[in-house]
């Protein structure tokens, strides 16, 4: 299934599933009532559906297959939210080594660009801090916790934070936890994933350069309203039998800025779940981001966004996550 949350004419969030090549939505709550299931709590939201487990998901599949006409609406006539908005918890991990290497190299180039001999300064630059990060990255998964209340959906404007002058996007793959997970071995981790989506981790690069010296990870470079864009749908795991062979493409104003593949993940979601769930419970609906795919942001090319730019992030099998960034 391709699960979505949309707003009805009153602005209320409702659970649905995309059909007809994503041109229409089956309203799951309405379809459940039409099927005589009454007001089953599992169909009050996508989070409730995920929390209700396999039985409810199987019933949702039957409802989508029947797609009663009175429960089908045109996608173009409604506004999509993030599939789960807000999620119970978010962690953004670092899974792509190429992104780290290219970002570090770009940042070094930026620091010496104003000097009389940038190439000589670059050759003399101390890279031990970057090397320590890469060593840690290759030793174990690393992550930070995001602001779940900053989550928005597709085609919604990202508001440029007033304190930044250098904004960037980040093309990421993300999974949703489908059942409680604690002390899960890697070989069992895939069973705890209900589905996948696209994540645009908007980033204030100038702020990030200042705060990362504090060694506590990103803060205001990532935490601002509308900064976490997710969607357009939650594709259930059965629809993506091999999630680690999907193409990923980033475009700005129709121009391709970069592409990569989920096959390049040094740490797969199976590894992340096994690592994070040690002595800690993961709950249904939680999100794990992959971190930026290599070539999946402007920083790696020392390119930044401008007001009113339109960002399109595409992941094979999921769709396109579109956003515009605006200055108020």
Protein backbone atom coordinates (compact mmCIF):
# COMPACT_ATOMS: atom_id res chain seq x y z
CA UNK A 1 0.00 0.00 0.00
CA UNK A 2 0.89 3.64 -0.45
CA UNK A 3 -0.46 5.20 2.73
CA UNK A 4 -1.09 8.93 3.08
CA UNK A 5 -2.52 11.47 5.46
CA UNK A 6 -4.58 14.25 3.88
CA UNK A 7 -6.61 17.21 5.10
CA UNK A 8 -10.32 17.28 4.37
CA UNK A 9 -12.36 20.40 3.62
CA UNK A 10 -12.52 21.20 7.36
CA UNK A 11 -8.75 20.90 7.72
CA UNK A 12 -8.93 17.65 9.70
CA UNK A 13 -6.28 15.00 9.02
CA UNK A 14 -7.61 11.74 7.57
CA UNK A 15 -5.92 8.43 6.71
CA UNK A 16 -5.92 7.16 3.15
CA UNK A 17 -4.17 5.08 0.53
CA UNK A 18 -3.17 6.11 -2.98
CA UNK A 19 -4.70 4.21 -5.91
CA UNK A 20 -5.03 4.64 -9.68
CA UNK A 21 -1.37 5.55 -10.25
CA UNK A 22 -1.49 7.91 -7.25
CA UNK A 23 -4.25 10.02 -8.82
CA UNK A 24 -6.89 9.07 -6.24
CA UNK A 25 -7.13 8.33 -2.51
CA UNK A 26 -9.21 5.75 -0.69
CA UNK A 27 -10.34 7.31 2.59
CA UNK A 28 -9.73 4.42 4.98
CA UNK A 29 -12.08 5.60 7.72
CA UNK A 30 -14.92 6.04 5.25
CA UNK A 31 -14.18 2.73 3.53
CA UNK A 32 -14.19 0.93 6.89
CA UNK A 33 -17.63 2.29 7.71
CA UNK A 34 -18.88 1.37 4.24
CA UNK A 35 -17.62 -2.20 4.85
CA UNK A 36 -19.57 -2.42 8.12
CA UNK A 37 -16.52 -2.16 10.37
CA UNK A 38 -17.90 0.89 12.16
CA UNK A 39 -15.53 3.39 13.69
CA UNK A 40 -12.61 1.01 14.16
CA UNK A 41 -9.94 3.03 16.01
CA UNK A 42 -7.23 1.65 13.70
CA UNK A 43 -8.63 3.80 10.89
CA UNK A 44 -8.55 7.14 12.68
CA UNK A 45 -4.99 7.89 11.50
CA UNK A 46 -2.02 6.27 9.80
CA UNK A 47 -0.24 6.17 13.17
CA UNK A 48 -3.21 4.32 14.71
CA UNK A 49 -3.18 1.91 11.78
CA UNK A 50 0.52 1.17 12.24
CA UNK A 51 0.08 0.78 15.99
CA UNK A 52 -2.79 -1.67 15.46
CA UNK A 53 -0.47 -4.09 13.70
CA UNK A 54 -0.72 -6.70 10.99
CA UNK A 55 -4.42 -7.50 11.37
CA UNK A 56 -5.39 -3.88 10.80
CA UNK A 57 -2.95 -3.51 7.89
CA UNK A 58 -4.40 -6.63 6.25
CA UNK A 59 -7.90 -5.18 6.64
CA UNK A 60 -6.69 -1.92 5.12
CA UNK A 61 -5.39 -3.85 2.11
CA UNK A 62 -8.82 -5.43 1.64
CA UNK A 63 -10.48 -2.01 1.85
CA UNK A 64 -8.08 -0.55 -0.72
CA UNK A 65 -8.69 -3.50 -3.05
CA UNK A 66 -12.46 -2.90 -2.85
CA UNK A 67 -12.14 0.90 -3.01
CA UNK A 68 -15.86 1.68 -2.56
CA UNK A 69 -16.74 4.62 -4.80
CA UNK A 70 -18.13 6.70 -1.96
CA UNK A 71 -14.76 6.55 -0.22
CA UNK A 72 -12.57 7.58 -3.16
CA UNK A 73 -11.48 11.18 -3.70
CA UNK A 74 -9.22 12.85 -6.22
CA UNK A 75 -5.72 13.47 -4.92
CA UNK A 76 -5.53 16.78 -6.76
CA UNK A 77 -8.43 18.10 -4.71
CA UNK A 78 -6.83 17.72 -1.28
CA UNK A 79 -3.61 18.62 0.53
CA UNK A 80 -1.29 15.83 1.62
CA UNK A 81 0.47 15.95 4.98
CA UNK A 82 3.45 13.84 5.98
CA UNK A 83 2.35 10.20 6.25
CA UNK A 84 2.55 10.46 10.05
CA UNK A 85 2.49 14.08 11.25
CA UNK A 86 4.00 14.34 13.76
CA UNK A 87 5.73 10.99 14.27
CA UNK A 88 6.21 9.78 17.86
CA UNK A 89 9.99 10.14 17.52
CA UNK A 90 12.60 10.88 14.84
CA UNK A 91 16.23 9.93 14.57
CA UNK A 92 18.39 10.98 11.64
CA UNK A 93 21.32 8.67 11.08
CA UNK A 94 24.45 8.82 8.95
CA UNK A 95 24.60 5.94 6.48
CA UNK A 96 26.38 7.28 3.39
CA UNK A 97 30.16 7.66 3.64
CA UNK A 98 30.44 9.49 0.31
CA UNK A 99 28.26 12.33 1.63
CA UNK A 100 30.50 12.79 4.65
CA UNK A 101 33.71 12.75 2.62
CA UNK A 102 32.42 15.16 -0.03
CA UNK A 103 30.88 17.50 2.55
CA UNK A 104 34.10 17.66 4.56
CA UNK A 105 36.09 18.35 1.38
CA UNK A 106 33.68 21.09 0.30
CA UNK A 107 33.76 22.72 3.73
CA UNK A 108 37.56 22.78 3.63
CA UNK A 109 37.51 24.40 0.21
CA UNK A 110 35.09 27.04 1.46
CA UNK A 111 37.32 27.88 4.44
CA UNK A 112 40.33 28.67 2.24
CA UNK A 113 38.58 30.21 -0.77
CA UNK A 114 39.36 33.79 0.38
CA UNK A 115 43.10 33.17 0.91
CA UNK A 116 45.81 34.27 -1.58
CA UNK A 117 46.77 30.66 -2.39
CA UNK A 118 43.75 28.43 -1.64
CA UNK A 119 45.37 25.26 -3.02
CA UNK A 120 48.43 25.62 -0.81
CA UNK A 121 46.25 26.36 2.22
CA UNK A 122 44.12 23.32 1.43
CA UNK A 123 47.19 21.09 1.24
CA UNK A 124 48.38 22.32 4.65
CA UNK A 125 44.98 22.00 6.34
CA UNK A 126 44.65 19.69 9.34
CA UNK A 127 42.05 17.00 8.56
CA UNK A 128 42.30 14.98 11.80
CA UNK A 129 38.85 16.05 13.04
CA UNK A 130 37.22 14.87 9.81
CA UNK A 131 39.15 11.61 9.97
CA UNK A 132 37.92 11.00 13.54
CA UNK A 133 34.33 11.41 12.40
CA UNK A 134 34.86 8.97 9.53
CA UNK A 135 36.49 6.47 11.87
CA UNK A 136 33.53 6.65 14.22
CA UNK A 137 31.11 6.40 11.29
CA UNK A 138 32.76 3.17 10.14
CA UNK A 139 32.86 1.73 13.66
CA UNK A 140 29.16 2.14 14.53
CA UNK A 141 25.96 3.87 13.39
CA UNK A 142 25.70 7.51 14.51
CA UNK A 143 22.58 9.64 14.72
CA UNK A 144 20.86 12.62 16.34
CA UNK A 145 17.25 13.20 17.36
CA UNK A 146 15.19 15.59 15.24
CA UNK A 147 12.37 18.00 16.05
CA UNK A 148 9.32 15.87 15.25
CA UNK A 149 7.03 18.89 15.52
CA UNK A 150 8.78 20.51 12.54
CA UNK A 151 7.50 17.78 10.19
CA UNK A 152 5.51 18.91 7.16
CA UNK A 153 4.28 17.16 4.03
CA UNK A 154 4.71 17.46 0.27
CA UNK A 155 4.00 20.68 -1.63
CA UNK A 156 4.11 22.71 1.58
CA UNK A 157 6.39 25.75 1.79
CA UNK A 158 9.54 25.55 3.87
CA UNK A 159 9.99 28.83 5.73
CA UNK A 160 13.55 30.14 5.53
CA UNK A 161 14.79 30.62 9.13
CA UNK A 162 15.49 34.30 9.82
CA UNK A 163 18.96 33.64 11.27
CA UNK A 164 20.40 31.84 8.23
CA UNK A 165 21.90 33.05 4.96
CA UNK A 166 22.91 29.64 3.55
CA UNK A 167 20.08 27.13 3.17
CA UNK A 168 20.39 23.63 1.77
CA UNK A 169 18.31 20.50 1.24
CA UNK A 170 19.27 16.90 2.02
CA UNK A 171 17.96 13.92 0.06
CA UNK A 172 17.30 11.03 2.44
CA UNK A 173 15.57 7.67 2.55
CA UNK A 174 13.60 6.89 5.71
CA UNK A 175 11.84 3.96 7.35
CA UNK A 176 8.95 3.76 9.79
CA UNK A 177 9.01 1.35 12.70
CA UNK A 178 6.00 -0.99 12.60
CA UNK A 179 6.16 -2.80 15.91
CA UNK A 180 7.91 -2.41 19.26
CA UNK A 181 11.59 -3.23 19.04
CA UNK A 182 14.02 -3.77 21.89
CA UNK A 183 17.33 -5.66 21.78
CA UNK A 184 16.55 -6.79 18.24
CA UNK A 185 19.24 -8.81 16.44
CA UNK A 186 20.11 -7.60 12.97
CA UNK A 187 18.66 -10.68 11.29
CA UNK A 188 15.24 -9.92 12.82
CA UNK A 189 15.30 -6.15 12.34
CA UNK A 190 13.54 -6.06 8.94
CA UNK A 191 10.44 -7.53 10.59
CA UNK A 192 10.07 -4.28 12.57
CA UNK A 193 9.86 -2.00 9.52
CA UNK A 194 6.35 -1.19 8.31
CA UNK A 195 7.39 0.96 5.36
CA UNK A 196 9.46 3.71 3.80
CA UNK A 197 9.26 7.33 2.70
CA UNK A 198 11.39 10.25 1.46
CA UNK A 199 12.89 12.73 3.91
CA UNK A 200 14.18 16.23 3.11
CA UNK A 201 16.29 17.34 6.05
CA UNK A 202 16.48 21.09 5.43
CA UNK A 203 19.68 22.59 6.79
CA UNK A 204 21.02 26.04 7.65
CA UNK A 205 24.64 25.50 6.66
CA UNK A 206 26.08 28.71 8.12
CA UNK A 207 24.51 27.92 11.50
CA UNK A 208 25.71 24.33 11.26
CA UNK A 209 29.31 25.44 10.70
CA UNK A 210 29.21 27.43 13.93
CA UNK A 211 27.47 24.96 16.22
CA UNK A 212 29.13 21.70 15.20
CA UNK A 213 32.32 22.86 16.93
CA UNK A 214 30.41 22.28 20.18
CA UNK A 215 30.59 18.51 19.58
CA UNK A 216 26.92 17.92 20.47
CA UNK A 217 25.62 17.50 16.94
CA UNK A 218 23.29 19.78 14.93
CA UNK A 219 20.80 22.00 16.75
CA UNK A 220 19.45 25.25 15.26
CA UNK A 221 20.92 24.31 11.88
CA UNK A 222 18.18 21.68 11.72
CA UNK A 223 15.60 22.77 14.28
CA UNK A 224 13.20 25.34 12.84
CA UNK A 225 9.54 25.18 11.91
CA UNK A 226 8.87 23.36 8.60
CA UNK A 227 12.44 22.02 8.55
CA UNK A 228 11.62 18.30 8.28
CA UNK A 229 9.77 17.47 5.06
CA UNK A 230 8.42 13.94 4.58
CA UNK A 231 6.30 12.12 2.03
CA UNK A 232 4.57 11.93 -0.29
CA UNK A 233 3.47 8.56 1.10
CA UNK A 234 4.42 5.66 3.34
CA UNK A 235 5.12 2.74 1.01
CA UNK A 236 4.59 -0.49 2.95
CA UNK A 237 7.55 -2.83 3.11
CA UNK A 238 5.90 -5.50 0.95
CA UNK A 239 5.88 -3.04 -1.97
CA UNK A 240 9.70 -2.64 -1.85
CA UNK A 241 11.16 -6.16 -1.64
CA UNK A 242 14.71 -4.78 -2.00
CA UNK A 243 14.89 -1.36 -0.35
CA UNK A 244 18.65 -1.31 -0.81
CA UNK A 245 18.68 -0.95 -4.59
CA UNK A 246 16.69 2.21 -5.21
CA UNK A 247 17.81 5.22 -7.24
CA UNK A 248 17.69 8.63 -5.53
CA UNK A 249 17.63 11.95 -7.44
CA UNK A 250 17.65 15.59 -6.31
CA UNK A 251 16.46 18.45 -8.52
CA UNK A 252 16.22 22.19 -7.92
CA UNK A 253 13.97 24.19 -10.26
CA UNK A 254 13.95 21.19 -12.60
CA UNK A 255 17.77 20.94 -12.80
CA UNK A 256 19.34 17.75 -11.51
CA UNK A 257 21.79 18.56 -8.71
CA UNK A 258 22.75 15.02 -7.79
CA UNK A 259 21.84 11.37 -7.65
CA UNK A 260 22.77 8.26 -5.71
CA UNK A 261 21.41 4.91 -4.62
CA UNK A 262 20.29 3.21 -1.44
CA UNK A 263 22.73 0.43 -2.34
CA UNK A 264 25.51 2.72 -1.06
CA UNK A 265 24.27 2.69 2.54
CA UNK A 266 27.20 1.69 4.77
CA UNK A 267 24.65 1.06 7.50
CA UNK A 268 21.27 -0.34 6.47
CA UNK A 269 18.10 0.15 8.51
CA UNK A 270 18.60 -3.39 9.83
CA UNK A 271 21.91 -2.26 11.35
CA UNK A 272 20.36 0.91 12.75
CA UNK A 273 17.49 -0.90 14.45
CA UNK A 274 19.85 -3.46 15.98
CA UNK A 275 22.12 -0.68 17.27
CA UNK A 276 19.49 1.76 18.53
CA UNK A 277 17.26 -0.86 20.15
CA UNK A 278 19.97 -2.01 22.54
CA UNK A 279 18.38 -1.57 25.99
CA UNK A 280 15.93 0.91 24.39
CA UNK A 281 12.45 0.41 22.97
CA UNK A 282 11.52 1.70 19.54
CA UNK A 283 7.79 2.28 19.09
CA UNK A 284 5.44 2.00 16.10
CA UNK A 285 5.48 5.10 13.93
CA UNK A 286 9.00 6.20 14.84
CA UNK A 287 11.16 7.39 11.95
CA UNK A 288 14.76 6.54 11.14
CA UNK A 289 16.38 8.70 8.46
CA UNK A 290 19.26 7.40 6.37
CA UNK A 291 21.23 10.61 6.37
CA UNK A 292 22.06 12.30 3.08
CA UNK A 293 22.93 10.13 0.10
CA UNK A 294 26.20 10.99 -1.60
CA UNK A 295 25.63 13.88 -4.08
CA UNK A 296 22.29 14.49 -2.33
CA UNK A 297 22.73 18.10 -1.16
CA UNK A 298 24.07 21.45 -2.34
CA UNK A 299 26.91 21.62 0.19
CA UNK A 300 28.83 18.88 -1.59
CA UNK A 301 29.01 21.19 -4.62
CA UNK A 302 29.17 24.45 -2.61
CA UNK A 303 25.77 25.41 -4.02
CA UNK A 304 22.99 26.85 -1.91
CA UNK A 305 19.30 27.53 -2.27
CA UNK A 306 17.67 30.85 -3.13
CA UNK A 307 14.25 32.10 -2.00
CA UNK A 308 11.41 30.54 -4.02
CA UNK A 309 13.54 27.63 -5.24
CA UNK A 310 11.56 24.42 -5.75
CA UNK A 311 13.23 21.24 -4.49
CA UNK A 312 12.19 17.85 -5.86
CA UNK A 313 13.55 14.72 -4.20
CA UNK A 314 12.81 11.41 -5.86
CA UNK A 315 13.28 7.87 -4.57
CA UNK A 316 12.50 4.97 -6.86
CA UNK A 317 9.31 3.17 -5.87
CA UNK A 318 8.13 5.96 -3.55
CA UNK A 319 7.66 9.03 -5.74
CA UNK A 320 8.64 12.69 -5.64
CA UNK A 321 8.72 14.93 -2.57
CA UNK A 322 8.32 18.52 -3.69
CA UNK A 323 8.85 21.68 -1.62
CA UNK A 324 9.36 25.40 -2.16
CA UNK A 325 11.53 27.43 0.18
CA UNK A 326 10.26 30.94 0.90
CA UNK A 327 11.48 33.96 2.85
CA UNK A 328 8.83 35.84 4.83
